[in-house]
Amino acid sequence: MGNSRVTLRRVAEIAGVSPATVSRVSRGTTPVSPEVRDRVLRVIEEHGYKPSHFGRALAERRHGALGLVFPGLSGPYFSELIQGFEAEALETGDSVLVLASHSRADTDATVLDLADRVDGMAIHGGTVSTDTIGKVAQQIRVVVMASEAGPAQASVSAANDTVKDLTRHLLVDHGYRRLAFVGMPDGSPDVTARWQAFLAAHKSARRKPPAEPIRVGLQQSDGAIAAEQLLDRDDRPDAVVCANDETALGLLLSALGRGLRVPQDVAITGFDDMPMAALVRPALTTIRQPIRELAATTARLLADPLDQPAGDIVLPTELVLRSSCGCGGVP
């Protein structure tokens, strides 16, 4: 006999799935295996469950919201992350509360306050302290993006070791001898991993790397700042590996503005494969990472924890060769 007071969580328990899966089946918004769908629908029919987002949130003491914590919001990288995360959250009827720290001193306290208003939280690596992540993870589910999980329940990141392949390509295939790395490893797990891969490539190729990276931020304007340190000196590098595309584009435009030829005078590469990377001339050699998939996977882990594995999930990246590194015949 049907029970109008049956909750979504009770349906999930009987069907042996997560509450998010019940929501997806009842809404018909996301593909679910036929066996799982039939099992959930059978339980829904037998118990007379009537979906209600507001009622479900109250019955389960849920907020119907997920938190998304970034160091900042400017630039195409974070725009892609937000779009990927929100699109996935929409599938389960969750709203998204976005917090940009902008290096504020009270970021940790603000994140702890946000934890009281959401059911799960995605935190971008390097945004808050490990201690704060641990405290939040004791209250709600936490997934770290672009870093290792640490005290969080899971993490999702893109493989940064492809930078080793890129660097070897510059050293071995093109024969460049004076390479520079542009990016600030301090506080950014991604940039740290890319710097380490850059160094590893030098070691494997038996070449001496630069002692230090050019420590600038990750915006296009920071690429222009790096250009002042690299391109105006007599011993300028003949190839530059940038920590992301935005920095690389700023450096490339600055090089062209100085009358330098890319790649004949200096080769320039990036990381991300933003749309603009293929549109500039010369087109930018870079590493493609699945930014929207990274964000969507993170949202799924938060919304559907019983159906997803915990631990560190690393998504593959791909070397994209174009003309800014000297690959002939590539636009």
Protein backbone atom coordinates (compact mmCIF):
# COMPACT_ATOMS: atom_id res chain seq x y z
CA MET A 1 0.00 0.00 0.00
CA GLY A 2 1.29 3.46 -0.86
CA ASN A 3 2.57 5.78 1.83
CA SER A 4 2.40 9.46 0.92
CA ARG A 5 4.89 10.27 3.67
CA VAL A 6 7.66 8.08 2.32
CA THR A 7 10.87 10.07 1.81
CA LEU A 8 13.37 10.05 -1.01
CA ARG A 9 15.99 8.65 1.35
CA ARG A 10 13.69 5.77 2.31
CA VAL A 11 13.12 4.94 -1.36
CA ALA A 12 16.89 5.01 -1.87
CA GLU A 13 17.45 2.65 1.06
CA ILE A 14 14.86 0.15 -0.17
CA ALA A 15 16.18 0.27 -3.75
CA GLY A 16 19.81 0.08 -2.61
CA VAL A 17 20.91 3.26 -4.39
CA SER A 18 21.76 6.83 -3.44
CA PRO A 19 19.15 9.60 -2.99
CA ALA A 20 20.60 11.37 -6.04
CA THR A 21 19.95 8.28 -8.17
CA VAL A 22 16.31 8.23 -7.06
CA SER A 23 16.09 11.90 -8.01
CA ARG A 24 17.58 11.23 -11.43
CA VAL A 25 15.21 8.34 -12.11
CA SER A 26 12.14 10.29 -11.01
CA ARG A 27 13.16 13.30 -13.10
CA GLY A 28 14.40 11.28 -16.06
CA THR A 29 17.21 13.81 -16.54
CA THR A 30 20.30 11.59 -16.63
CA PRO A 31 20.92 8.14 -18.13
CA VAL A 32 20.65 5.36 -15.54
CA SER A 33 21.14 1.65 -16.23
CA PRO A 34 17.86 -0.13 -17.09
CA GLU A 35 18.23 -2.52 -14.14
CA VAL A 36 18.65 0.33 -11.64
CA ARG A 37 15.87 2.40 -13.22
CA ASP A 38 13.41 -0.49 -13.10
CA ARG A 39 14.29 -1.25 -9.49
CA VAL A 40 13.84 2.36 -8.39
CA LEU A 41 10.58 2.79 -10.32
CA ARG A 42 9.22 -0.39 -8.75
CA VAL A 43 9.95 0.92 -5.24
CA ILE A 44 8.47 4.33 -6.10
CA GLU A 45 5.25 2.68 -7.33
CA GLU A 46 4.98 0.26 -4.43
CA HIS A 47 5.42 2.97 -1.80
CA GLY A 48 3.61 5.81 -3.54
CA TYR A 49 6.56 8.17 -3.43
CA LYS A 50 5.78 11.61 -4.90
CA PRO A 51 8.93 13.64 -5.72
CA SER A 52 9.13 17.12 -4.27
CA HIS A 53 12.41 19.01 -4.23
CA PHE A 54 11.39 21.26 -1.34
CA GLY A 55 9.79 18.47 0.65
CA ARG A 56 12.75 16.20 0.02
CA ALA A 57 15.15 18.83 1.31
CA LEU A 58 13.11 19.32 4.48
CA ALA A 59 12.58 15.62 5.14
CA GLU A 60 16.27 14.85 4.74
CA ARG A 61 17.41 18.06 6.43
CA ARG A 62 19.08 18.95 3.15
CA HIS A 63 19.73 22.43 1.83
CA GLY A 64 19.41 21.45 -1.82
CA ALA A 65 22.66 23.30 -2.50
CA LEU A 66 26.32 22.56 -3.20
CA GLY A 67 29.21 24.86 -2.38
CA LEU A 68 31.95 25.76 -4.86
CA VAL A 69 35.08 27.45 -3.48
CA PHE A 70 37.63 29.09 -5.83
CA PRO A 71 40.64 31.38 -5.32
CA GLY A 72 39.07 33.77 -7.88
CA LEU A 73 36.53 33.98 -10.69
CA SER A 74 38.32 35.80 -13.51
CA GLY A 75 39.43 34.10 -16.70
CA PRO A 76 38.15 31.30 -18.95
CA TYR A 77 39.43 28.47 -16.73
CA PHE A 78 37.12 29.29 -13.83
CA SER A 79 34.28 30.11 -16.20
CA GLU A 80 34.55 26.61 -17.68
CA LEU A 81 34.67 25.03 -14.22
CA ILE A 82 31.56 26.87 -13.05
CA GLN A 83 29.60 25.96 -16.18
CA GLY A 84 30.55 22.29 -15.91
CA PHE A 85 29.71 22.15 -12.21
CA GLU A 86 26.38 23.99 -12.51
CA ALA A 87 25.25 21.88 -15.47
CA GLU A 88 25.75 18.69 -13.46
CA ALA A 89 24.14 20.14 -10.32
CA LEU A 90 21.11 21.09 -12.40
CA GLU A 91 20.55 17.42 -13.17
CA THR A 92 19.89 16.68 -9.50
CA GLY A 93 18.03 19.91 -8.74
CA ASP A 94 20.81 21.35 -6.58
CA SER A 95 21.60 25.04 -6.57
CA VAL A 96 25.23 26.18 -6.43
CA LEU A 97 26.69 28.70 -3.98
CA VAL A 98 30.00 30.07 -5.29
CA LEU A 99 32.63 31.55 -2.99
CA ALA A 100 35.70 33.29 -4.43
CA SER A 101 38.37 33.83 -1.78
CA HIS A 102 40.49 36.44 -3.64
CA SER A 103 43.24 35.65 -1.06
CA ARG A 104 41.18 37.17 1.78
CA ALA A 105 42.48 36.68 5.28
CA ASP A 106 39.11 35.38 6.50
CA THR A 107 38.72 32.73 3.78
CA ASP A 108 38.89 29.76 6.16
CA ALA A 109 36.22 31.22 8.45
CA THR A 110 34.01 32.04 5.47
CA VAL A 111 34.31 28.48 4.14
CA LEU A 112 33.33 27.06 7.54
CA ASP A 113 30.28 29.32 7.52
CA LEU A 114 29.37 28.15 4.01
CA ALA A 115 29.52 24.52 5.21
CA ASP A 116 26.43 25.17 7.34
CA ARG A 117 24.42 26.12 4.25
CA VAL A 118 25.27 23.37 1.74
CA ASP A 119 25.11 19.58 1.50
CA GLY A 120 28.52 19.15 -0.07
CA MET A 121 31.44 21.34 -1.03
CA ALA A 122 33.97 21.43 -3.88
CA ILE A 123 37.17 23.24 -2.95
CA HIS A 124 39.77 24.21 -5.53
CA GLY A 125 43.29 23.22 -4.50
CA GLY A 126 45.34 25.91 -2.79
CA THR A 127 42.30 27.96 -1.75
CA VAL A 128 42.00 27.08 1.95
CA SER A 129 44.16 25.35 4.54
CA THR A 130 44.29 21.58 4.92
CA ASP A 131 43.07 22.00 8.49
CA THR A 132 39.93 23.79 7.30
CA ILE A 133 39.26 21.13 4.66
CA GLY A 134 39.45 18.54 7.45
CA LYS A 135 36.97 20.46 9.59
CA VAL A 136 34.50 20.86 6.73
CA ALA A 137 34.86 17.17 5.81
CA GLN A 138 33.69 16.26 9.32
CA GLN A 139 30.40 18.07 8.64
CA ILE A 140 29.66 17.42 4.97
CA ARG A 141 31.14 15.66 1.97
CA VAL A 142 34.12 17.49 0.44
CA VAL A 143 35.74 16.96 -2.94
CA VAL A 144 38.97 18.80 -3.74
CA MET A 145 39.56 19.95 -7.32
CA ALA A 146 43.00 20.21 -8.94
CA SER A 147 44.83 18.70 -5.97
CA GLU A 148 45.03 15.54 -3.88
CA ALA A 149 42.17 14.70 -1.52
CA GLY A 150 44.07 14.99 1.76
CA PRO A 151 41.45 15.00 4.54
CA ALA A 152 38.61 15.34 2.02
CA GLN A 153 36.54 12.35 0.91
CA ALA A 154 37.74 12.54 -2.70
CA SER A 155 39.59 14.65 -5.27
CA VAL A 156 39.41 15.21 -9.01
CA SER A 157 42.34 16.59 -10.98
CA ALA A 158 43.88 16.55 -14.44
CA ALA A 159 47.17 14.80 -15.14
CA ASN A 160 49.98 17.36 -14.97
CA ASP A 161 52.79 14.97 -15.91
CA THR A 162 52.06 15.62 -19.59
CA VAL A 163 54.23 18.72 -19.07
CA LYS A 164 57.17 16.31 -19.02
CA ASP A 165 56.24 15.15 -22.53
CA LEU A 166 55.88 18.74 -23.70
CA THR A 167 59.23 19.77 -22.22
CA ARG A 168 61.01 16.76 -23.75
CA HIS A 169 59.43 17.67 -27.08
CA LEU A 170 61.02 21.11 -26.86
CA LEU A 171 64.40 19.81 -25.67
CA VAL A 172 64.76 16.69 -27.81
CA ASP A 173 62.57 17.08 -30.88
CA HIS A 174 63.28 20.77 -31.48
CA GLY A 175 66.68 21.04 -29.80
CA TYR A 176 65.93 24.12 -27.72
CA ARG A 177 68.63 24.57 -25.07
CA ARG A 178 67.56 27.48 -22.85
CA LEU A 179 64.10 26.88 -21.44
CA ALA A 180 62.18 28.92 -18.88
CA PHE A 181 59.10 28.07 -16.83
CA VAL A 182 56.51 30.76 -16.14
CA GLY A 183 54.24 30.25 -13.15
CA MET A 184 54.18 30.48 -9.36
CA PRO A 185 54.26 27.02 -7.73
CA ASP A 186 53.72 28.47 -4.24
CA GLY A 187 50.13 27.80 -3.16
CA SER A 188 49.03 26.09 -6.39
CA PRO A 189 49.20 22.26 -6.43
CA ASP A 190 48.68 22.25 -10.21
CA VAL A 191 51.51 24.68 -10.95
CA THR A 192 53.77 22.86 -8.49
CA ALA A 193 53.16 19.56 -10.30
CA ARG A 194 53.82 21.18 -13.68
CA TRP A 195 57.08 22.73 -12.46
CA GLN A 196 58.18 19.33 -11.13
CA ALA A 197 57.35 17.70 -14.49
CA PHE A 198 59.36 20.43 -16.25
CA LEU A 199 62.36 19.63 -14.03
CA ALA A 200 61.92 15.87 -14.52
CA ALA A 201 62.06 16.29 -18.29
CA HIS A 202 65.35 18.15 -18.01
CA LYS A 203 66.74 15.40 -15.84
CA SER A 204 65.69 12.63 -18.23
CA ALA A 205 67.15 14.55 -21.17
CA ARG A 206 70.32 15.26 -19.18
CA ARG A 207 69.92 19.00 -19.55
CA LYS A 208 70.38 21.63 -16.87
CA PRO A 209 67.10 23.35 -15.94
CA PRO A 210 66.74 26.94 -14.77
CA ALA A 211 67.26 27.32 -11.04
CA GLU A 212 63.90 28.97 -10.47
CA PRO A 213 60.64 29.57 -12.33
CA ILE A 214 59.51 33.04 -13.32
CA ARG A 215 57.10 33.61 -10.45
CA VAL A 216 54.02 35.39 -11.74
CA GLY A 217 50.28 34.78 -11.50
CA LEU A 218 48.03 32.98 -13.96
CA GLN A 219 46.30 35.83 -15.81
CA GLN A 220 47.12 37.20 -19.24
CA SER A 221 48.52 40.38 -17.70
CA ASP A 222 50.97 38.22 -15.74
CA GLY A 223 52.32 36.93 -19.04
CA ALA A 224 53.18 40.52 -19.95
CA ILE A 225 54.98 40.87 -16.62
CA ALA A 226 56.94 37.69 -17.33
CA ALA A 227 57.88 39.10 -20.75
CA GLU A 228 59.65 42.02 -19.05
CA GLN A 229 61.77 39.56 -17.07
CA LEU A 230 62.50 37.17 -19.95
CA LEU A 231 62.44 38.88 -23.32
CA ASP A 232 64.36 42.09 -22.68
CA ARG A 233 67.59 40.42 -21.57
CA ASP A 234 70.53 39.38 -23.73
CA ASP A 235 70.33 35.74 -22.65
CA ARG A 236 66.62 35.34 -23.22
CA PRO A 237 65.36 31.73 -23.39
CA ASP A 238 64.71 30.14 -26.75
CA ALA A 239 61.59 28.35 -25.41
CA VAL A 240 59.14 29.06 -22.58
CA VAL A 241 56.78 26.63 -20.86
CA CYS A 242 53.91 28.55 -19.25
CA ALA A 243 51.76 27.14 -16.44
CA ASN A 244 48.54 27.97 -18.31
CA ASP A 245 47.24 29.38 -21.59
CA GLU A 246 46.36 32.80 -20.24
CA THR A 247 49.94 33.46 -19.19
CA ALA A 248 51.24 32.03 -22.47
CA LEU A 249 48.96 34.30 -24.52
CA GLY A 250 50.11 37.35 -22.58
CA LEU A 251 53.73 36.37 -23.19
CA LEU A 252 53.11 35.61 -26.88
CA LEU A 253 51.43 38.97 -27.53
CA SER A 254 54.24 40.75 -25.68
CA ALA A 255 56.85 38.93 -27.76
CA LEU A 256 55.13 39.91 -31.01
CA GLY A 257 54.80 43.48 -29.77
CA ARG A 258 58.58 43.58 -29.28
CA GLY A 259 59.14 42.53 -32.87
CA LEU A 260 60.19 38.99 -31.92
CA ARG A 261 59.21 36.07 -34.09
CA VAL A 262 57.41 33.10 -32.52
CA PRO A 263 58.75 30.43 -32.64
CA GLN A 264 61.91 31.48 -34.55
CA ASP A 265 63.16 33.81 -31.79
CA VAL A 266 61.32 32.25 -28.86
CA ALA A 267 58.94 29.27 -28.68
CA ILE A 268 55.98 29.58 -26.30
CA THR A 269 53.67 26.89 -24.90
CA GLY A 270 50.72 26.79 -22.50
CA PHE A 271 48.40 24.47 -20.59
CA ASP A 272 44.56 24.12 -20.75
CA ASP A 273 43.81 24.46 -24.50
CA MET A 274 41.39 27.33 -24.13
CA PRO A 275 39.50 28.26 -27.34
CA MET A 276 41.77 31.25 -27.96
CA ALA A 277 44.82 28.96 -28.10
CA ALA A 278 43.79 27.69 -31.53
CA LEU A 279 42.75 31.14 -32.80
CA VAL A 280 45.88 33.22 -32.17
CA ARG A 281 48.64 33.33 -34.75
CA PRO A 282 50.90 31.55 -34.36
CA ALA A 283 48.52 29.01 -32.80
CA LEU A 284 49.54 27.98 -29.31
CA THR A 285 51.08 24.61 -28.53
CA THR A 286 49.50 23.53 -25.26
CA ILE A 287 48.16 20.67 -23.16
CA ARG A 288 44.44 20.00 -23.31
CA GLN A 289 42.74 19.27 -20.01
CA PRO A 290 39.03 18.34 -19.69
CA ILE A 291 37.99 21.29 -17.52
CA ARG A 292 34.22 20.82 -17.75
CA GLU A 293 34.54 17.08 -17.18
CA LEU A 294 36.68 17.79 -14.11
CA ALA A 295 33.96 20.03 -12.69
CA ALA A 296 31.11 17.70 -13.65
CA THR A 297 32.85 14.70 -12.09
CA THR A 298 33.33 16.71 -8.90
CA ALA A 299 29.63 17.62 -8.78
CA ARG A 300 28.62 13.99 -9.34
CA LEU A 301 30.81 12.86 -6.46
CA LEU A 302 29.09 15.38 -4.20
CA ALA A 303 25.54 14.68 -5.36
CA ASP A 304 25.81 10.91 -5.67
CA PRO A 305 28.39 9.78 -3.08
CA LEU A 306 27.03 6.24 -2.72
CA ASP A 307 27.38 5.59 -6.45
CA GLN A 308 30.87 7.04 -6.93
CA PRO A 309 34.30 5.86 -5.75
CA ALA A 310 36.25 7.91 -3.22
CA GLY A 311 39.95 8.69 -3.38
CA ASP A 312 41.96 10.57 -6.01
CA ILE A 313 40.55 10.63 -9.54
CA VAL A 314 43.00 11.82 -12.21
CA LEU A 315 41.63 12.68 -15.65
CA PRO A 316 43.91 12.31 -18.69
CA THR A 317 45.40 15.28 -20.53
CA GLU A 318 46.64 15.53 -24.12
CA LEU A 319 49.60 17.27 -25.76
CA VAL A 320 48.38 19.53 -28.60
CA LEU A 321 51.17 20.52 -31.00
CA ARG A 322 50.74 23.75 -32.95
CA SER A 323 53.05 26.25 -34.56
CA SER A 324 54.13 28.31 -31.52
CA CYS A 325 56.65 25.60 -30.61
CA GLY A 326 57.97 25.23 -34.16
CA CYS A 327 55.99 22.27 -35.44
CA GLY A 328 55.93 22.82 -39.19
CA GLY A 329 52.65 22.42 -41.02
CA VAL A 330 50.61 22.91 -37.85
CA PRO A 331 48.49 26.13 -37.85
